[in-house]
């Protein structure tokens, strides 16, 4: 490996711990989101309402749309995760 290659690799390696922390935080937040959507579905069911609110789901899609096509995929994944119990 040349010195130039080492200089290119070293800065990105030093950022890996920060990315790992972000990943852990994302996992924690996703777990919290799943629990909240589970609770909301239970409350809607108890109130005689549909378990899922399609307007709220559409709002999720709209929020993630700003990230482009990958944002739409992420929104769809979040919604699937919310429905998986």
C-alpha atoms as a PDB file:
ATOM      1  CA  UNK A   1       0.000   0.000   0.000  1.00  0.00           C
ATOM      2  CA  UNK A   2       1.354   3.394  -0.895  1.00  0.00           C
ATOM      3  CA  UNK A   3       1.440   6.316   1.527  1.00  0.00           C
ATOM      4  CA  UNK A   4      -1.157   8.124  -0.570  1.00  0.00           C
ATOM      5  CA  UNK A   5      -3.509   5.144  -0.281  1.00  0.00           C
ATOM      6  CA  UNK A   6      -2.914   4.967   3.476  1.00  0.00           C
ATOM      7  CA  UNK A   7      -3.744   8.671   3.842  1.00  0.00           C
ATOM      8  CA  UNK A   8      -6.973   8.120   1.892  1.00  0.00           C
ATOM      9  CA  UNK A   9      -8.026   5.134   3.997  1.00  0.00           C
ATOM     10  CA  UNK A  10      -7.016   6.458   7.439  1.00  0.00           C
ATOM     11  CA  UNK A  11      -9.564   9.323   7.685  1.00  0.00           C
ATOM     12  CA  UNK A  12     -12.469   7.054   6.802  1.00  0.00           C
ATOM     13  CA  UNK A  13     -11.354   4.407   9.298  1.00  0.00           C
ATOM     14  CA  UNK A  14     -11.289   6.991  12.088  1.00  0.00           C
ATOM     15  CA  UNK A  15     -14.953   7.760  11.401  1.00  0.00           C
ATOM     16  CA  UNK A  16     -16.114   4.153  11.681  1.00  0.00           C
ATOM     17  CA  UNK A  17     -16.749   4.309  15.459  1.00  0.00           C
ATOM     18  CA  UNK A  18     -19.061   7.271  14.898  1.00  0.00           C
ATOM     19  CA  UNK A  19     -20.967   5.352  12.243  1.00  0.00           C
ATOM     20  CA  UNK A  20     -21.267   2.369  14.567  1.00  0.00           C
ATOM     21  CA  UNK A  21     -22.725   4.615  17.265  1.00  0.00           C
ATOM     22  CA  UNK A  22     -25.211   6.038  14.764  1.00  0.00           C
ATOM     23  CA  UNK A  23     -26.187   2.527  13.704  1.00  0.00           C
ATOM     24  CA  UNK A  24     -26.809   1.565  17.332  1.00  0.00           C
ATOM     25  CA  UNK A  25     -28.902   4.696  17.840  1.00  0.00           C
ATOM     26  CA  UNK A  26     -30.890   3.965  14.684  1.00  0.00           C
ATOM     27  CA  UNK A  27     -31.569   0.431  15.906  1.00  0.00           C
ATOM     28  CA  UNK A  28     -32.735   1.789  19.265  1.00  0.00           C
ATOM     29  CA  UNK A  29     -35.004   4.332  17.584  1.00  0.00           C
ATOM     30  CA  UNK A  30     -36.420   1.754  15.163  1.00  0.00           C
ATOM     31  CA  UNK A  31     -37.225  -0.519  18.082  1.00  0.00           C
ATOM     32  CA  UNK A  32     -38.990   2.362  19.838  1.00  0.00           C
ATOM     33  CA  UNK A  33     -40.911   3.154  16.645  1.00  0.00           C
ATOM     34  CA  UNK A  34     -42.067  -0.431  16.292  1.00  0.00           C
ATOM     35  CA  UNK A  35     -43.295  -0.477  19.887  1.00  0.00           C
ATOM     36  CA  UNK A  36     -45.178   2.793  19.447  1.00  0.00           C
ATOM     37  CA  UNK A  37     -46.865   1.608  16.269  1.00  0.00           C
ATOM     38  CA  UNK A  38     -47.793  -1.650  18.026  1.00  0.00           C
ATOM     39  CA  UNK A  39     -49.391   0.320  20.870  1.00  0.00           C
ATOM     40  CA  UNK A  40     -51.223   2.561  18.419  1.00  0.00           C
ATOM     41  CA  UNK A  41     -52.612  -0.447  16.552  1.00  0.00           C
ATOM     42  CA  UNK A  42     -53.840  -1.984  19.816  1.00  0.00           C
ATOM     43  CA  UNK A  43     -55.542   1.262  20.857  1.00  0.00           C
ATOM     44  CA  UNK A  44     -57.182   1.654  17.459  1.00  0.00           C
ATOM     45  CA  UNK A  45     -58.411  -1.927  17.595  1.00  0.00           C
ATOM     46  CA  UNK A  46     -59.802  -1.406  21.113  1.00  0.00           C
ATOM     47  CA  UNK A  47     -61.601   1.725  19.887  1.00  0.00           C
ATOM     48  CA  UNK A  48     -63.124  -0.230  16.997  1.00  0.00           C
ATOM     49  CA  UNK A  49     -61.017   1.591  14.414  1.00  0.00           C
ATOM     50  CA  UNK A  50     -58.837   0.087  11.703  1.00  0.00           C
ATOM     51  CA  UNK A  51     -55.428  -0.886  13.061  1.00  0.00           C
ATOM     52  CA  UNK A  52     -53.620   1.170  10.443  1.00  0.00           C
ATOM     53  CA  UNK A  53     -54.105   4.806   9.516  1.00  0.00           C
ATOM     54  CA  UNK A  54     -53.491   5.150   5.792  1.00  0.00           C
ATOM     55  CA  UNK A  55     -53.247   8.946   5.997  1.00  0.00           C
ATOM     56  CA  UNK A  56     -50.522   8.659   8.628  1.00  0.00           C
ATOM     57  CA  UNK A  57     -48.713   6.093   6.498  1.00  0.00           C
ATOM     58  CA  UNK A  58     -48.905   8.420   3.510  1.00  0.00           C
ATOM     59  CA  UNK A  59     -47.414  11.180   5.680  1.00  0.00           C
ATOM     60  CA  UNK A  60     -44.457   8.897   6.474  1.00  0.00           C
ATOM     61  CA  UNK A  61     -43.873   8.411   2.759  1.00  0.00           C
ATOM     62  CA  UNK A  62     -44.046  12.156   2.175  1.00  0.00           C
ATOM     63  CA  UNK A  63     -41.504  12.863   4.933  1.00  0.00           C
ATOM     64  CA  UNK A  64     -38.985  10.431   3.473  1.00  0.00           C
ATOM     65  CA  UNK A  65     -39.578  11.491  -0.129  1.00  0.00           C
ATOM     66  CA  UNK A  66     -36.985  14.257   0.226  1.00  0.00           C
ATOM     67  CA  UNK A  67     -34.302  11.551   0.329  1.00  0.00           C
ATOM     68  CA  UNK A  68     -35.201  10.501  -3.205  1.00  0.00           C
ATOM     69  CA  UNK A  69     -35.881   6.933  -4.352  1.00  0.00           C
ATOM     70  CA  UNK A  70     -33.942   5.453  -1.437  1.00  0.00           C
ATOM     71  CA  UNK A  71     -36.091   7.513   0.937  1.00  0.00           C
ATOM     72  CA  UNK A  72     -39.233   6.022  -0.542  1.00  0.00           C
ATOM     73  CA  UNK A  73     -37.778   2.550  -0.083  1.00  0.00           C
ATOM     74  CA  UNK A  74     -36.883   3.393   3.498  1.00  0.00           C
ATOM     75  CA  UNK A  75     -40.407   4.666   4.175  1.00  0.00           C
ATOM     76  CA  UNK A  76     -41.889   1.487   2.717  1.00  0.00           C
ATOM     77  CA  UNK A  77     -39.565  -0.599   4.874  1.00  0.00           C
ATOM     78  CA  UNK A  78     -40.527   1.336   8.003  1.00  0.00           C
ATOM     79  CA  UNK A  79     -44.199   0.798   7.253  1.00  0.00           C
ATOM     80  CA  UNK A  80     -43.648  -2.942   6.673  1.00  0.00           C
ATOM     81  CA  UNK A  81     -41.728  -3.149   9.939  1.00  0.00           C
ATOM     82  CA  UNK A  82     -44.607  -1.417  11.701  1.00  0.00           C
ATOM     83  CA  UNK A  83     -47.088  -3.960  10.392  1.00  0.00           C
ATOM     84  CA  UNK A  84     -44.932  -6.985  11.211  1.00  0.00           C
ATOM     85  CA  UNK A  85     -45.834  -8.289  14.634  1.00  0.00           C
END
